[in-house]
């Protein structure tokens, strides 16, 4: 499981939500966000999944709040060094999708939530 970046459960959509008249984002809007994020990564020199270990900490620099969030996740979920780095890369991608220059604690928390199968250690 250590080598898989994202493992989440996708529950069935409730009927009322299926029939809701409110619209979410269209596929075209989501595609545009993804293309913009990939362009940001391309300009950085590589896609986030390929960030060299030497650049990982600088490209995914965390503020004090982010450091506390990551430390708590690593300790409580017993994450390996590989999983730690993968969480940082996913957080960098979430920040790119959010058009954020820096990875925030919010991006990191969302990345940690993508480690669903490790969640039994996260409280």
C-alpha atoms as a PDB file:
ATOM      1  CA  UNK A   1       0.000   0.000   0.000  1.00  0.00           C
ATOM      2  CA  UNK A   2       2.993   2.234   0.547  1.00  0.00           C
ATOM      3  CA  UNK A   3       3.493   2.648  -3.198  1.00  0.00           C
ATOM      4  CA  UNK A   4      -0.050   3.859  -3.922  1.00  0.00           C
ATOM      5  CA  UNK A   5      -0.528   7.636  -3.676  1.00  0.00           C
ATOM      6  CA  UNK A   6      -4.312   7.757  -3.332  1.00  0.00           C
ATOM      7  CA  UNK A   7      -6.595   5.232  -1.730  1.00  0.00           C
ATOM      8  CA  UNK A   8     -10.060   6.526  -0.974  1.00  0.00           C
ATOM      9  CA  UNK A   9     -13.550   5.136  -0.760  1.00  0.00           C
ATOM     10  CA  UNK A  10     -16.099   6.532  -3.183  1.00  0.00           C
ATOM     11  CA  UNK A  11     -19.582   6.021  -1.762  1.00  0.00           C
ATOM     12  CA  UNK A  12     -22.714   5.920  -3.907  1.00  0.00           C
ATOM     13  CA  UNK A  13     -24.278   9.322  -4.555  1.00  0.00           C
ATOM     14  CA  UNK A  14     -27.505   9.743  -2.550  1.00  0.00           C
ATOM     15  CA  UNK A  15     -30.681   9.915  -4.638  1.00  0.00           C
ATOM     16  CA  UNK A  16     -31.553  13.456  -3.503  1.00  0.00           C
ATOM     17  CA  UNK A  17     -28.145  14.649  -4.605  1.00  0.00           C
ATOM     18  CA  UNK A  18     -28.575  12.985  -7.998  1.00  0.00           C
ATOM     19  CA  UNK A  19     -31.889  14.795  -8.466  1.00  0.00           C
ATOM     20  CA  UNK A  20     -30.672  18.147  -7.121  1.00  0.00           C
ATOM     21  CA  UNK A  21     -31.144  21.158  -9.337  1.00  0.00           C
ATOM     22  CA  UNK A  22     -27.879  22.739  -8.247  1.00  0.00           C
ATOM     23  CA  UNK A  23     -25.053  22.272 -10.682  1.00  0.00           C
ATOM     24  CA  UNK A  24     -21.498  21.412  -9.696  1.00  0.00           C
ATOM     25  CA  UNK A  25     -18.500  21.987 -11.879  1.00  0.00           C
ATOM     26  CA  UNK A  26     -18.715  20.743 -15.425  1.00  0.00           C
ATOM     27  CA  UNK A  27     -16.211  18.282 -16.831  1.00  0.00           C
ATOM     28  CA  UNK A  28     -14.856  21.088 -19.011  1.00  0.00           C
ATOM     29  CA  UNK A  29     -14.245  23.275 -15.949  1.00  0.00           C
ATOM     30  CA  UNK A  30     -12.487  20.470 -14.125  1.00  0.00           C
ATOM     31  CA  UNK A  31     -10.411  19.659 -17.216  1.00  0.00           C
ATOM     32  CA  UNK A  32      -9.348  23.327 -17.409  1.00  0.00           C
ATOM     33  CA  UNK A  33      -8.216  23.308 -13.759  1.00  0.00           C
ATOM     34  CA  UNK A  34      -6.224  20.107 -14.339  1.00  0.00           C
ATOM     35  CA  UNK A  35      -4.621  21.493 -17.504  1.00  0.00           C
ATOM     36  CA  UNK A  36      -3.635  24.683 -15.663  1.00  0.00           C
ATOM     37  CA  UNK A  37      -2.138  22.659 -12.813  1.00  0.00           C
ATOM     38  CA  UNK A  38      -0.194  20.483 -15.259  1.00  0.00           C
ATOM     39  CA  UNK A  39       1.104  23.610 -17.015  1.00  0.00           C
ATOM     40  CA  UNK A  40       2.270  24.999 -13.668  1.00  0.00           C
ATOM     41  CA  UNK A  41       4.087  21.732 -13.018  1.00  0.00           C
ATOM     42  CA  UNK A  42       5.591  21.691 -16.516  1.00  0.00           C
ATOM     43  CA  UNK A  43       6.930  25.221 -15.984  1.00  0.00           C
ATOM     44  CA  UNK A  44       8.438  24.059 -12.680  1.00  0.00           C
ATOM     45  CA  UNK A  45      10.415  21.480 -14.678  1.00  0.00           C
ATOM     46  CA  UNK A  46       8.622  18.210 -13.932  1.00  0.00           C
ATOM     47  CA  UNK A  47       5.281  16.813 -12.894  1.00  0.00           C
ATOM     48  CA  UNK A  48       4.700  16.488  -9.171  1.00  0.00           C
ATOM     49  CA  UNK A  49       4.883  12.697  -9.251  1.00  0.00           C
ATOM     50  CA  UNK A  50       8.458  13.063 -10.527  1.00  0.00           C
ATOM     51  CA  UNK A  51       9.751  15.759  -8.163  1.00  0.00           C
ATOM     52  CA  UNK A  52      13.333  14.778  -7.367  1.00  0.00           C
ATOM     53  CA  UNK A  53      13.899  14.056  -3.671  1.00  0.00           C
ATOM     54  CA  UNK A  54      16.445  16.905  -3.517  1.00  0.00           C
ATOM     55  CA  UNK A  55      13.747  19.433  -4.516  1.00  0.00           C
ATOM     56  CA  UNK A  56      10.801  17.897  -2.661  1.00  0.00           C
ATOM     57  CA  UNK A  57      11.196  19.894   0.551  1.00  0.00           C
ATOM     58  CA  UNK A  58      11.758  23.211  -1.237  1.00  0.00           C
ATOM     59  CA  UNK A  59       8.910  22.800  -3.758  1.00  0.00           C
ATOM     60  CA  UNK A  60       6.611  21.525  -1.001  1.00  0.00           C
ATOM     61  CA  UNK A  61       7.828  23.872   1.747  1.00  0.00           C
ATOM     62  CA  UNK A  62       5.481  23.954   4.729  1.00  0.00           C
ATOM     63  CA  UNK A  63       4.731  26.663   7.253  1.00  0.00           C
ATOM     64  CA  UNK A  64       4.593  25.870  10.971  1.00  0.00           C
ATOM     65  CA  UNK A  65       0.958  24.749  10.782  1.00  0.00           C
ATOM     66  CA  UNK A  66       1.715  22.465   7.847  1.00  0.00           C
ATOM     67  CA  UNK A  67       4.687  20.978   9.669  1.00  0.00           C
ATOM     68  CA  UNK A  68       2.495  20.174  12.697  1.00  0.00           C
ATOM     69  CA  UNK A  69      -0.158  18.608  10.455  1.00  0.00           C
ATOM     70  CA  UNK A  70       2.388  16.455   8.645  1.00  0.00           C
ATOM     71  CA  UNK A  71       4.151  15.431  11.858  1.00  0.00           C
ATOM     72  CA  UNK A  72       0.840  14.393  13.423  1.00  0.00           C
ATOM     73  CA  UNK A  73      -0.083  12.358  10.330  1.00  0.00           C
ATOM     74  CA  UNK A  74       3.316  10.652  10.163  1.00  0.00           C
ATOM     75  CA  UNK A  75       3.231   9.754  13.851  1.00  0.00           C
ATOM     76  CA  UNK A  76      -0.407   8.665  14.123  1.00  0.00           C
ATOM     77  CA  UNK A  77      -0.584   6.866  10.807  1.00  0.00           C
ATOM     78  CA  UNK A  78       2.932   5.434  11.139  1.00  0.00           C
ATOM     79  CA  UNK A  79       3.795   6.615   7.628  1.00  0.00           C
ATOM     80  CA  UNK A  80       6.996   5.409   6.027  1.00  0.00           C
ATOM     81  CA  UNK A  81       9.474   7.799   4.412  1.00  0.00           C
ATOM     82  CA  UNK A  82       8.021   6.826   1.031  1.00  0.00           C
ATOM     83  CA  UNK A  83       4.445   7.588   2.187  1.00  0.00           C
ATOM     84  CA  UNK A  84       5.623  10.900   3.706  1.00  0.00           C
ATOM     85  CA  UNK A  85       7.058  11.964   0.346  1.00  0.00           C
ATOM     86  CA  UNK A  86       3.945  10.830  -1.519  1.00  0.00           C
ATOM     87  CA  UNK A  87       1.723  12.862   0.819  1.00  0.00           C
ATOM     88  CA  UNK A  88       3.891  15.915   0.081  1.00  0.00           C
ATOM     89  CA  UNK A  89       3.617  15.350  -3.682  1.00  0.00           C
ATOM     90  CA  UNK A  90      -0.183  14.967  -3.493  1.00  0.00           C
ATOM     91  CA  UNK A  91      -0.399  18.108  -1.336  1.00  0.00           C
ATOM     92  CA  UNK A  92       1.665  19.988  -3.951  1.00  0.00           C
ATOM     93  CA  UNK A  93      -0.794  18.832  -6.636  1.00  0.00           C
ATOM     94  CA  UNK A  94      -3.787  19.946  -4.546  1.00  0.00           C
ATOM     95  CA  UNK A  95      -2.103  23.348  -4.080  1.00  0.00           C
ATOM     96  CA  UNK A  96      -1.533  23.564  -7.851  1.00  0.00           C
ATOM     97  CA  UNK A  97      -5.207  22.803  -8.493  1.00  0.00           C
ATOM     98  CA  UNK A  98      -6.019  25.575  -5.986  1.00  0.00           C
ATOM     99  CA  UNK A  99      -3.678  27.962  -7.876  1.00  0.00           C
ATOM    100  CA  UNK A 100      -1.664  28.358  -4.673  1.00  0.00           C
ATOM    101  CA  UNK A 101       2.035  29.123  -4.794  1.00  0.00           C
ATOM    102  CA  UNK A 102       2.689  27.415  -1.454  1.00  0.00           C
ATOM    103  CA  UNK A 103       1.449  24.196   0.098  1.00  0.00           C
ATOM    104  CA  UNK A 104      -0.743  25.077   3.085  1.00  0.00           C
ATOM    105  CA  UNK A 105      -1.926  22.998   6.027  1.00  0.00           C
ATOM    106  CA  UNK A 106      -5.296  22.775   4.238  1.00  0.00           C
ATOM    107  CA  UNK A 107      -3.687  21.174   1.173  1.00  0.00           C
ATOM    108  CA  UNK A 108      -1.692  18.841   3.368  1.00  0.00           C
ATOM    109  CA  UNK A 109      -4.756  17.792   5.379  1.00  0.00           C
ATOM    110  CA  UNK A 110      -6.587  16.962   2.146  1.00  0.00           C
ATOM    111  CA  UNK A 111      -3.613  14.916   0.932  1.00  0.00           C
ATOM    112  CA  UNK A 112      -3.525  13.014   4.224  1.00  0.00           C
ATOM    113  CA  UNK A 113      -7.243  12.269   3.839  1.00  0.00           C
ATOM    114  CA  UNK A 114      -6.399  10.593   0.530  1.00  0.00           C
ATOM    115  CA  UNK A 115      -4.559   7.921   2.514  1.00  0.00           C
ATOM    116  CA  UNK A 116      -7.921   6.315   3.345  1.00  0.00           C
ATOM    117  CA  UNK A 117      -6.603   2.837   4.020  1.00  0.00           C
ATOM    118  CA  UNK A 118      -4.137   4.282   6.561  1.00  0.00           C
ATOM    119  CA  UNK A 119      -6.947   6.185   8.316  1.00  0.00           C
ATOM    120  CA  UNK A 120      -7.485   3.676  11.094  1.00  0.00           C
ATOM    121  CA  UNK A 121      -4.309   5.197  12.609  1.00  0.00           C
ATOM    122  CA  UNK A 122      -5.474   8.824  12.142  1.00  0.00           C
ATOM    123  CA  UNK A 123      -7.625  10.159  14.970  1.00  0.00           C
END
